[in-house]
PDB file of N, CA and C in Angstrom:
ATOM      1  N   MET A   1     -46.208  42.898   6.474  1.00  0.00           N
ATOM      2  CA  MET A   1     -46.259  43.063   5.080  1.00  0.00           C
ATOM      3  C   MET A   1     -46.199  41.654   4.393  1.00  0.00           C
ATOM      4  N   ALA A   2     -47.467  41.449   3.860  1.00  0.00           N
ATOM      5  CA  ALA A   2     -47.656  40.080   3.260  1.00  0.00           C
ATOM      6  C   ALA A   2     -47.691  40.350   1.745  1.00  0.00           C
ATOM      7  N   LEU A   3     -46.565  39.570   1.150  1.00  0.00           N
ATOM      8  CA  LEU A   3     -46.338  39.481  -0.139  1.00  0.00           C
ATOM      9  C   LEU A   3     -46.785  38.320  -0.964  1.00  0.00           C
ATOM     10  N   ASP A   4     -47.359  38.222  -1.932  1.00  0.00           N
ATOM     11  CA  ASP A   4     -47.722  37.020  -2.777  1.00  0.00           C
ATOM     12  C   ASP A   4     -46.300  36.181  -3.413  1.00  0.00           C
ATOM     13  N   LEU A   5     -46.614  35.264  -3.800  1.00  0.00           N
ATOM     14  CA  LEU A   5     -45.419  34.281  -4.348  1.00  0.00           C
ATOM     15  C   LEU A   5     -44.921  35.069  -5.569  1.00  0.00           C
ATOM     16  N   ALA A   6     -45.627  35.931  -6.392  1.00  0.00           N
ATOM     17  CA  ALA A   6     -45.137  36.457  -7.580  1.00  0.00           C
ATOM     18  C   ALA A   6     -44.237  37.308  -7.033  1.00  0.00           C
ATOM     19  N   GLN A   7     -44.749  38.306  -5.899  1.00  0.00           N
ATOM     20  CA  GLN A   7     -43.823  39.451  -5.586  1.00  0.00           C
ATOM     21  C   GLN A   7     -42.629  38.840  -4.923  1.00  0.00           C
ATOM     22  N   LYS A   8     -42.511  37.720  -4.005  1.00  0.00           N
ATOM     23  CA  LYS A   8     -41.504  36.976  -3.618  1.00  0.00           C
ATOM     24  C   LYS A   8     -40.384  36.736  -4.529  1.00  0.00           C
ATOM     25  N   THR A   9     -40.973  36.002  -5.690  1.00  0.00           N
ATOM     26  CA  THR A   9     -39.917  35.738  -6.791  1.00  0.00           C
ATOM     27  C   THR A   9     -39.435  37.045  -7.647  1.00  0.00           C
ATOM     28  N   TYR A  10     -40.082  38.343  -7.556  1.00  0.00           N
ATOM     29  CA  TYR A  10     -39.533  39.282  -8.114  1.00  0.00           C
ATOM     30  C   TYR A  10     -38.320  40.039  -7.239  1.00  0.00           C
ATOM     31  N   ILE A  11     -38.659  39.872  -6.082  1.00  0.00           N
ATOM     32  CA  ILE A  11     -37.722  40.377  -5.132  1.00  0.00           C
ATOM     33  C   ILE A  11     -36.463  39.427  -5.035  1.00  0.00           C
ATOM     34  N   GLU A  12     -36.405  38.167  -5.224  1.00  0.00           N
ATOM     35  CA  GLU A  12     -35.221  37.355  -5.340  1.00  0.00           C
ATOM     36  C   GLU A  12     -34.579  37.491  -6.638  1.00  0.00           C
ATOM     37  N   ALA A  13     -35.490  37.674  -7.630  1.00  0.00           N
ATOM     38  CA  ALA A  13     -34.660  38.030  -8.979  1.00  0.00           C
ATOM     39  C   ALA A  13     -33.969  39.304  -8.774  1.00  0.00           C
ATOM     40  N   ARG A  14     -34.632  40.367  -8.253  1.00  0.00           N
ATOM     41  CA  ARG A  14     -34.027  41.822  -8.253  1.00  0.00           C
ATOM     42  C   ARG A  14     -32.501  41.779  -7.331  1.00  0.00           C
ATOM     43  N   LEU A  15     -32.822  40.801  -6.263  1.00  0.00           N
ATOM     44  CA  LEU A  15     -31.668  40.528  -5.185  1.00  0.00           C
ATOM     45  C   LEU A  15     -30.704  39.970  -6.113  1.00  0.00           C
ATOM     46  N   ALA A  16     -31.005  39.053  -6.790  1.00  0.00           N
ATOM     47  CA  ALA A  16     -29.785  38.344  -7.711  1.00  0.00           C
ATOM     48  C   ALA A  16     -28.930  39.371  -8.474  1.00  0.00           C
ATOM     49  N   ASN A  17     -29.716  40.394  -8.973  1.00  0.00           N
ATOM     50  CA  ASN A  17     -29.096  41.478  -9.931  1.00  0.00           C
ATOM     51  C   ASN A  17     -28.408  42.644  -8.954  1.00  0.00           C
ATOM     52  N   GLU A  18     -28.905  43.083  -7.699  1.00  0.00           N
ATOM     53  CA  GLU A  18     -28.350  44.042  -7.098  1.00  0.00           C
ATOM     54  C   GLU A  18     -27.834  43.843  -6.059  1.00  0.00           C
ATOM     55  N   GLY A  19     -28.014  42.477  -5.262  1.00  0.00           N
ATOM     56  CA  GLY A  19     -27.302  42.270  -4.124  1.00  0.00           C
ATOM     57  C   GLY A  19     -26.130  42.070  -4.304  1.00  0.00           C
ATOM     58  N   PRO A  20     -25.243  41.843  -3.179  1.00  0.00           N
ATOM     59  CA  PRO A  20     -23.834  41.301  -3.339  1.00  0.00           C
ATOM     60  C   PRO A  20     -23.748  39.668  -3.450  1.00  0.00           C
ATOM     61  N   SER A  21     -22.713  39.571  -4.181  1.00  0.00           N
ATOM     62  CA  SER A  21     -22.358  38.326  -4.603  1.00  0.00           C
ATOM     63  C   SER A  21     -21.532  37.771  -3.600  1.00  0.00           C
ATOM     64  N   MET A  22     -21.750  36.559  -3.014  1.00  0.00           N
ATOM     65  CA  MET A  22     -21.135  35.794  -2.044  1.00  0.00           C
ATOM     66  C   MET A  22     -19.712  35.391  -2.600  1.00  0.00           C
ATOM     67  N   ALA A  23     -19.735  34.787  -3.934  1.00  0.00           N
ATOM     68  CA  ALA A  23     -18.302  34.379  -4.376  1.00  0.00           C
ATOM     69  C   ALA A  23     -17.368  35.846  -4.592  1.00  0.00           C
ATOM     70  N   LEU A  24     -18.081  36.769  -5.152  1.00  0.00           N
ATOM     71  CA  LEU A  24     -17.078  38.202  -5.229  1.00  0.00           C
ATOM     72  C   LEU A  24     -16.615  38.507  -4.027  1.00  0.00           C
ATOM     73  N   ALA A  25     -17.520  38.614  -2.716  1.00  0.00           N
ATOM     74  CA  ALA A  25     -17.101  39.065  -1.644  1.00  0.00           C
ATOM     75  C   ALA A  25     -15.962  38.046  -1.190  1.00  0.00           C
ATOM     76  N   TYR A  26     -15.884  36.829  -1.354  1.00  0.00           N
ATOM     77  CA  TYR A  26     -14.717  36.148  -0.783  1.00  0.00           C
ATOM     78  C   TYR A  26     -13.758  36.337  -1.763  1.00  0.00           C
ATOM     79  N   ILE A  27     -13.955  36.538  -3.179  1.00  0.00           N
ATOM     80  CA  ILE A  27     -12.748  36.838  -3.979  1.00  0.00           C
ATOM     81  C   ILE A  27     -12.124  38.517  -3.587  1.00  0.00           C
ATOM     82  N   PHE A  28     -12.748  39.189  -3.129  1.00  0.00           N
ATOM     83  CA  PHE A  28     -12.288  40.561  -2.779  1.00  0.00           C
ATOM     84  C   PHE A  28     -11.428  40.259  -1.258  1.00  0.00           C
ATOM     85  N   TRP A  29     -11.786  39.223  -0.618  1.00  0.00           N
ATOM     86  CA  TRP A  29     -11.324  39.187   0.816  1.00  0.00           C
ATOM     87  C   TRP A  29     -10.003  38.488   0.516  1.00  0.00           C
ATOM     88  N   LEU A  30     -10.088  37.523  -0.263  1.00  0.00           N
ATOM     89  CA  LEU A  30      -8.536  36.612  -0.514  1.00  0.00           C
ATOM     90  C   LEU A  30      -7.562  37.636  -1.472  1.00  0.00           C
ATOM     91  N   ALA A  31      -8.186  38.397  -2.536  1.00  0.00           N
ATOM     92  CA  ALA A  31      -7.118  39.037  -3.646  1.00  0.00           C
ATOM     93  C   ALA A  31      -6.700  40.432  -2.813  1.00  0.00           C
ATOM     94  N   LEU A  32      -7.959  41.120  -2.325  1.00  0.00           N
ATOM     95  CA  LEU A  32      -7.470  42.457  -2.010  1.00  0.00           C
ATOM     96  C   LEU A  32      -7.856  42.624  -0.523  1.00  0.00           C
ATOM     97  N   GLY A  33      -7.753  41.412   0.159  1.00  0.00           N
ATOM     98  CA  GLY A  33      -8.143  41.709   1.883  1.00  0.00           C
ATOM     99  C   GLY A  33      -7.424  42.795   2.574  1.00  0.00           C
ATOM    100  N   LEU A  34      -5.958  42.830   2.147  1.00  0.00           N
ATOM    101  CA  LEU A  34      -5.183  43.882   3.039  1.00  0.00           C
ATOM    102  C   LEU A  34      -5.507  45.181   2.747  1.00  0.00           C
ATOM    103  N   VAL A  35      -6.420  45.487   1.833  1.00  0.00           N
ATOM    104  CA  VAL A  35      -6.958  46.911   1.791  1.00  0.00           C
ATOM    105  C   VAL A  35      -8.406  46.793   1.807  1.00  0.00           C
ATOM    106  N   SER A  36      -8.999  45.663   2.728  1.00  0.00           N
ATOM    107  CA  SER A  36     -10.280  45.603   2.966  1.00  0.00           C
ATOM    108  C   SER A  36     -11.275  45.868   1.904  1.00  0.00           C
ATOM    109  N   ALA A  37     -11.305  45.477   0.657  1.00  0.00           N
ATOM    110  CA  ALA A  37     -11.960  45.675  -0.284  1.00  0.00           C
ATOM    111  C   ALA A  37     -13.556  44.972   0.112  1.00  0.00           C
ATOM    112  N   HIS A  38     -13.221  43.651   0.511  1.00  0.00           N
ATOM    113  CA  HIS A  38     -14.647  43.032   0.855  1.00  0.00           C
ATOM    114  C   HIS A  38     -15.432  43.926   1.865  1.00  0.00           C
ATOM    115  N   ARG A  39     -15.058  44.329   2.838  1.00  0.00           N
ATOM    116  CA  ARG A  39     -15.671  45.574   3.651  1.00  0.00           C
ATOM    117  C   ARG A  39     -16.225  46.624   2.969  1.00  0.00           C
ATOM    118  N   PHE A  40     -15.504  47.178   2.126  1.00  0.00           N
ATOM    119  CA  PHE A  40     -16.045  48.304   1.256  1.00  0.00           C
ATOM    120  C   PHE A  40     -17.047  47.775   0.400  1.00  0.00           C
ATOM    121  N   TYR A  41     -17.019  46.548  -0.373  1.00  0.00           N
ATOM    122  CA  TYR A  41     -17.914  46.243  -1.119  1.00  0.00           C
ATOM    123  C   TYR A  41     -19.195  45.741  -0.621  1.00  0.00           C
ATOM    124  N   LEU A  42     -19.285  45.332   0.554  1.00  0.00           N
ATOM    125  CA  LEU A  42     -20.239  45.073   1.488  1.00  0.00           C
ATOM    126  C   LEU A  42     -20.891  46.218   2.358  1.00  0.00           C
ATOM    127  N   GLY A  43     -20.469  47.568   1.862  1.00  0.00           N
ATOM    128  CA  GLY A  43     -21.031  48.532   2.535  1.00  0.00           C
ATOM    129  C   GLY A  43     -20.847  48.908   3.880  1.00  0.00           C
ATOM    130  N   ARG A  44     -19.365  48.593   4.253  1.00  0.00           N
ATOM    131  CA  ARG A  44     -19.154  48.703   5.698  1.00  0.00           C
ATOM    132  C   ARG A  44     -17.456  49.719   5.586  1.00  0.00           C
ATOM    133  N   PRO A  45     -17.736  50.909   5.207  1.00  0.00           N
ATOM    134  CA  PRO A  45     -16.583  51.532   5.009  1.00  0.00           C
ATOM    135  C   PRO A  45     -15.701  51.811   6.370  1.00  0.00           C
ATOM    136  N   GLY A  46     -16.646  52.107   7.497  1.00  0.00           N
ATOM    137  CA  GLY A  46     -16.017  52.448   8.692  1.00  0.00           C
ATOM    138  C   GLY A  46     -15.175  51.213   9.126  1.00  0.00           C
ATOM    139  N   SER A  47     -15.388  49.943   9.019  1.00  0.00           N
ATOM    140  CA  SER A  47     -14.952  49.006   9.518  1.00  0.00           C
ATOM    141  C   SER A  47     -13.648  48.611   8.762  1.00  0.00           C
ATOM    142  N   ALA A  48     -13.972  49.014   7.509  1.00  0.00           N
ATOM    143  CA  ALA A  48     -12.790  48.775   6.492  1.00  0.00           C
ATOM    144  C   ALA A  48     -11.848  49.440   6.793  1.00  0.00           C
ATOM    145  N   VAL A  49     -11.966  50.956   7.020  1.00  0.00           N
ATOM    146  CA  VAL A  49     -10.800  51.743   7.391  1.00  0.00           C
ATOM    147  C   VAL A  49     -10.170  51.388   8.563  1.00  0.00           C
ATOM    148  N   LEU A  50     -10.917  51.132   9.536  1.00  0.00           N
ATOM    149  CA  LEU A  50     -10.336  50.560  10.872  1.00  0.00           C
ATOM    150  C   LEU A  50      -9.331  49.608  10.768  1.00  0.00           C
ATOM    151  N   GLN A  51      -9.886  48.402   9.930  1.00  0.00           N
ATOM    152  CA  GLN A  51      -9.177  47.577   9.618  1.00  0.00           C
ATOM    153  C   GLN A  51      -7.789  47.444   8.943  1.00  0.00           C
ATOM    154  N   ILE A  52      -7.956  48.678   8.291  1.00  0.00           N
ATOM    155  CA  ILE A  52      -6.669  48.929   7.294  1.00  0.00           C
ATOM    156  C   ILE A  52      -5.740  49.643   8.226  1.00  0.00           C
ATOM    157  N   ILE A  53      -6.376  50.453   9.204  1.00  0.00           N
ATOM    158  CA  ILE A  53      -5.518  51.148  10.359  1.00  0.00           C
ATOM    159  C   ILE A  53      -4.783  49.808  11.217  1.00  0.00           C
ATOM    160  N   SER A  54      -5.513  49.016  11.420  1.00  0.00           N
ATOM    161  CA  SER A  54      -5.097  48.133  12.301  1.00  0.00           C
ATOM    162  C   SER A  54      -4.103  47.056  11.958  1.00  0.00           C
ATOM    163  N   TYR A  55      -3.941  47.045  10.679  1.00  0.00           N
ATOM    164  CA  TYR A  55      -3.163  46.364   9.822  1.00  0.00           C
ATOM    165  C   TYR A  55      -1.532  46.850  10.482  1.00  0.00           C
ATOM    166  N   LEU A  56      -1.406  48.017  10.550  1.00  0.00           N
ATOM    167  CA  LEU A  56      -0.267  48.318  11.057  1.00  0.00           C
ATOM    168  C   LEU A  56       0.056  47.921  12.427  1.00  0.00           C
ATOM    169  N   LEU A  57      -0.824  47.307  13.044  1.00  0.00           N
ATOM    170  CA  LEU A  57      -0.901  46.738  14.299  1.00  0.00           C
ATOM    171  C   LEU A  57      -0.868  45.189  13.934  1.00  0.00           C
ATOM    172  N   VAL A  58      -0.648  44.238  14.903  1.00  0.00           N
ATOM    173  CA  VAL A  58      -0.762  42.616  14.699  1.00  0.00           C
ATOM    174  C   VAL A  58      -2.044  42.320  14.735  1.00  0.00           C
ATOM    175  N   ILE A  59      -3.110  43.116  15.298  1.00  0.00           N
ATOM    176  CA  ILE A  59      -4.506  43.050  15.378  1.00  0.00           C
ATOM    177  C   ILE A  59      -5.091  42.693  14.131  1.00  0.00           C
ATOM    178  N   GLY A  60      -4.769  43.558  13.090  1.00  0.00           N
ATOM    179  CA  GLY A  60      -5.098  43.481  11.851  1.00  0.00           C
ATOM    180  C   GLY A  60      -5.119  42.211  10.996  1.00  0.00           C
ATOM    181  N   VAL A  61      -3.951  41.532  11.288  1.00  0.00           N
ATOM    182  CA  VAL A  61      -3.744  40.443  10.608  1.00  0.00           C
ATOM    183  C   VAL A  61      -4.750  39.020  11.230  1.00  0.00           C
ATOM    184  N   VAL A  62      -4.919  39.317  12.450  1.00  0.00           N
ATOM    185  CA  VAL A  62      -6.029  38.474  12.986  1.00  0.00           C
ATOM    186  C   VAL A  62      -7.131  38.745  12.446  1.00  0.00           C
ATOM    187  N   TRP A  63      -7.628  40.030  12.581  1.00  0.00           N
ATOM    188  CA  TRP A  63      -8.935  40.497  11.953  1.00  0.00           C
ATOM    189  C   TRP A  63      -9.255  39.987  10.521  1.00  0.00           C
ATOM    190  N   PHE A  64      -8.302  40.156   9.941  1.00  0.00           N
ATOM    191  CA  PHE A  64      -8.169  39.593   8.465  1.00  0.00           C
ATOM    192  C   PHE A  64      -8.621  37.997   8.419  1.00  0.00           C
ATOM    193  N   LEU A  65      -7.948  37.267   9.081  1.00  0.00           N
ATOM    194  CA  LEU A  65      -8.023  35.842   9.337  1.00  0.00           C
ATOM    195  C   LEU A  65      -9.586  35.365   9.806  1.00  0.00           C
ATOM    196  N   ILE A  66     -10.026  36.395  10.715  1.00  0.00           N
ATOM    197  CA  ILE A  66     -11.265  35.968  11.310  1.00  0.00           C
ATOM    198  C   ILE A  66     -12.385  36.177  10.341  1.00  0.00           C
ATOM    199  N   ASP A  67     -12.239  37.206   9.443  1.00  0.00           N
ATOM    200  CA  ASP A  67     -13.177  37.880   8.343  1.00  0.00           C
ATOM    201  C   ASP A  67     -13.515  36.499   7.311  1.00  0.00           C
ATOM    202  N   VAL A  68     -12.554  35.426   7.202  1.00  0.00           N
ATOM    203  CA  VAL A  68     -13.051  34.211   6.359  1.00  0.00           C
ATOM    204  C   VAL A  68     -14.515  33.816   7.016  1.00  0.00           C
ATOM    205  N   TYR A  69     -14.399  33.808   8.285  1.00  0.00           N
ATOM    206  CA  TYR A  69     -15.858  33.330   8.776  1.00  0.00           C
ATOM    207  C   TYR A  69     -16.971  34.351   8.925  1.00  0.00           C
ATOM    208  N   LEU A  70     -16.378  35.629   9.023  1.00  0.00           N
ATOM    209  CA  LEU A  70     -17.345  36.676   9.131  1.00  0.00           C
ATOM    210  C   LEU A  70     -18.051  37.095   7.441  1.00  0.00           C
ATOM    211  N   VAL A  71     -17.388  36.935   6.527  1.00  0.00           N
ATOM    212  CA  VAL A  71     -18.002  37.298   5.258  1.00  0.00           C
ATOM    213  C   VAL A  71     -19.246  36.879   5.139  1.00  0.00           C
ATOM    214  N   HIS A  72     -19.523  35.619   5.197  1.00  0.00           N
ATOM    215  CA  HIS A  72     -20.715  34.961   4.920  1.00  0.00           C
ATOM    216  C   HIS A  72     -21.858  35.518   5.445  1.00  0.00           C
ATOM    217  N   GLY A  73     -21.770  36.051   6.891  1.00  0.00           N
ATOM    218  CA  GLY A  73     -22.850  36.585   7.563  1.00  0.00           C
ATOM    219  C   GLY A  73     -23.101  38.192   6.928  1.00  0.00           C
ATOM    220  N   LEU A  74     -21.794  38.648   6.481  1.00  0.00           N
ATOM    221  CA  LEU A  74     -21.861  40.046   6.101  1.00  0.00           C
ATOM    222  C   LEU A  74     -22.571  40.147   4.678  1.00  0.00           C
ATOM    223  N   VAL A  75     -22.348  39.147   4.086  1.00  0.00           N
ATOM    224  CA  VAL A  75     -23.033  39.283   2.590  1.00  0.00           C
ATOM    225  C   VAL A  75     -24.520  38.749   2.940  1.00  0.00           C
ATOM    226  N   ARG A  76     -24.974  37.992   3.730  1.00  0.00           N
ATOM    227  CA  ARG A  76     -26.372  37.546   3.867  1.00  0.00           C
ATOM    228  C   ARG A  76     -27.128  38.969   4.594  1.00  0.00           C
ATOM    229  N   GLN A  77     -26.491  39.647   5.497  1.00  0.00           N
ATOM    230  CA  GLN A  77     -27.167  40.824   5.996  1.00  0.00           C
ATOM    231  C   GLN A  77     -27.341  41.951   4.924  1.00  0.00           C
ATOM    232  N   LYS A  78     -26.213  42.049   4.143  1.00  0.00           N
ATOM    233  CA  LYS A  78     -26.331  42.862   3.072  1.00  0.00           C
ATOM    234  C   LYS A  78     -27.613  42.367   2.021  1.00  0.00           C
ATOM    235  N   GLN A  79     -27.694  41.415   1.832  1.00  0.00           N
ATOM    236  CA  GLN A  79     -28.558  40.694   0.933  1.00  0.00           C
ATOM    237  C   GLN A  79     -30.142  40.880   1.661  1.00  0.00           C
ATOM    238  N   GLU A  80     -30.047  40.515   2.686  1.00  0.00           N
ATOM    239  CA  GLU A  80     -31.322  41.068   3.532  1.00  0.00           C
ATOM    240  C   GLU A  80     -31.847  42.457   3.301  1.00  0.00           C
ATOM    241  N   GLU A  81     -30.821  43.358   3.513  1.00  0.00           N
ATOM    242  CA  GLU A  81     -31.304  44.893   3.216  1.00  0.00           C
ATOM    243  C   GLU A  81     -31.649  45.093   1.975  1.00  0.00           C
ATOM    244  N   VAL A  82     -31.136  44.491   1.051  1.00  0.00           N
ATOM    245  CA  VAL A  82     -31.571  44.928  -0.254  1.00  0.00           C
ATOM    246  C   VAL A  82     -32.883  43.980  -0.615  1.00  0.00           C
ATOM    247  N   ARG A  83     -33.254  42.895  -0.045  1.00  0.00           N
ATOM    248  CA  ARG A  83     -34.466  42.398   0.033  1.00  0.00           C
ATOM    249  C   ARG A  83     -35.554  43.274   0.541  1.00  0.00           C
ATOM    250  N   ARG A  84     -35.377  43.788   1.939  1.00  0.00           N
ATOM    251  CA  ARG A  84     -36.065  44.631   2.485  1.00  0.00           C
ATOM    252  C   ARG A  84     -36.658  45.729   1.673  1.00  0.00           C
ATOM    253  N   ARG A  85     -35.180  46.539   1.135  1.00  0.00           N
ATOM    254  CA  ARG A  85     -35.676  47.649   0.225  1.00  0.00           C
ATOM    255  C   ARG A  85     -36.478  47.523  -1.033  1.00  0.00           C
ATOM    256  N   ILE A  86     -36.265  46.275  -1.650  1.00  0.00           N
ATOM    257  CA  ILE A  86     -37.121  46.107  -2.957  1.00  0.00           C
ATOM    258  C   ILE A  86     -38.386  45.747  -2.327  1.00  0.00           C
ATOM    259  N   ALA A  87     -38.846  45.136  -1.140  1.00  0.00           N
ATOM    260  CA  ALA A  87     -40.210  44.689  -0.584  1.00  0.00           C
ATOM    261  C   ALA A  87     -40.807  46.063  -0.306  1.00  0.00           C
ATOM    262  N   MET A  88     -40.376  47.002   0.238  1.00  0.00           N
ATOM    263  CA  MET A  88     -40.765  48.417   0.543  1.00  0.00           C
ATOM    264  C   MET A  88     -40.876  49.239  -0.737  1.00  0.00           C
ATOM    265  N   GLU A  89     -40.209  48.661  -1.688  1.00  0.00           N
ATOM    266  CA  GLU A  89     -40.449  49.850  -2.961  1.00  0.00           C
ATOM    267  C   GLU A  89     -41.716  49.002  -3.807  1.00  0.00           C
ATOM    268  N   LEU A  90     -41.914  47.727  -3.417  1.00  0.00           N
ATOM    269  CA  LEU A  90     -43.022  47.132  -3.972  1.00  0.00           C
ATOM    270  C   LEU A  90     -44.378  47.443  -3.152  1.00  0.00           C
ATOM    271  N   VAL A  91     -44.368  47.433  -1.922  1.00  0.00           N
ATOM    272  CA  VAL A  91     -45.390  48.102  -1.209  1.00  0.00           C
ATOM    273  C   VAL A  91     -45.758  49.615  -1.390  1.00  0.00           C
ATOM    274  N   ALA A  92     -44.716  50.392  -1.391  1.00  0.00           N
ATOM    275  CA  ALA A  92     -44.809  51.719  -1.552  1.00  0.00           C
ATOM    276  C   ALA A  92     -45.464  51.813  -3.261  1.00  0.00           C
ATOM    277  N   GLY A  93     -45.273  51.227  -4.034  1.00  0.00           N
ATOM    278  CA  GLY A  93     -45.893  51.272  -5.495  1.00  0.00           C
ATOM    279  C   GLY A  93     -47.184  50.823  -5.468  1.00  0.00           C
ATOM    280  N   GLY A  94     -47.947  50.215  -4.536  1.00  0.00           N
ATOM    281  CA  GLY A  94     -49.036  49.908  -4.371  1.00  0.00           C
ATOM    282  C   GLY A  94     -49.221  48.324  -4.419  1.00  0.00           C
ATOM    283  N   THR A  95     -50.404  47.661  -4.401  1.00  0.00           N
ATOM    284  CA  THR A  95     -50.415  46.126  -4.532  1.00  0.00           C
ATOM    285  C   THR A  95     -50.440  45.605  -5.596  1.00  0.00           C
ATOM    286  N   GLN A  96     -49.822  46.346  -6.669  1.00  0.00           N
ATOM    287  CA  GLN A  96     -49.918  45.938  -8.089  1.00  0.00           C
ATOM    288  C   GLN A  96     -49.004  44.372  -8.214  1.00  0.00           C
ATOM    289  N   SER A  97     -49.729  43.431  -9.125  1.00  0.00           N
ATOM    290  CA  SER A  97     -49.247  42.184  -9.055  1.00  0.00           C
ATOM    291  C   SER A  97     -47.896  42.304  -9.967  1.00  0.00           C
ATOM    292  N   VAL A  98     -46.786  41.350  -9.609  1.00  0.00           N
ATOM    293  CA  VAL A  98     -45.801  41.627 -10.447  1.00  0.00           C
ATOM    294  C   VAL A  98     -45.702  39.904 -11.237  1.00  0.00           C
ATOM    295  N   THR A  99     -45.439  40.107 -12.637  1.00  0.00           N
ATOM    296  CA  THR A  99     -46.076  38.941 -13.270  1.00  0.00           C
ATOM    297  C   THR A  99     -44.398  38.609 -13.621  1.00  0.00           C
ATOM    298  N   PRO A 100     -44.123  37.146 -13.461  1.00  0.00           N
ATOM    299  CA  PRO A 100     -42.876  36.866 -13.768  1.00  0.00           C
ATOM    300  C   PRO A 100     -42.430  36.792 -15.255  1.00  0.00           C
ATOM    301  N   ALA A 101     -41.201  37.147 -15.595  1.00  0.00           N
ATOM    302  CA  ALA A 101     -40.680  37.233 -17.015  1.00  0.00           C
ATOM    303  C   ALA A 101     -40.519  35.987 -17.529  1.00  0.00           C
TER     304      ALA A 101
END
């Protein structure tokens, strides 16, 4: 799928509006990490529930601390999913040119 520069710019603009925020993900991790808010925010409810359950064990605390390193990659992965979805919408909508605002 070859996109022109205007389409790539359009995708990045939509990603900024629709995609997850790195700062907000870390705020959720720091402020509400014990209820796994950052994982729910990033669309990972399964691991969020497992993390909450594991807090009853010592493993959950270690997992919470490890997430400080994992959140960055999780946000990037979610952003890439949004980027691909928007690109597919552009391709499915035809090869119409997107003019920058």
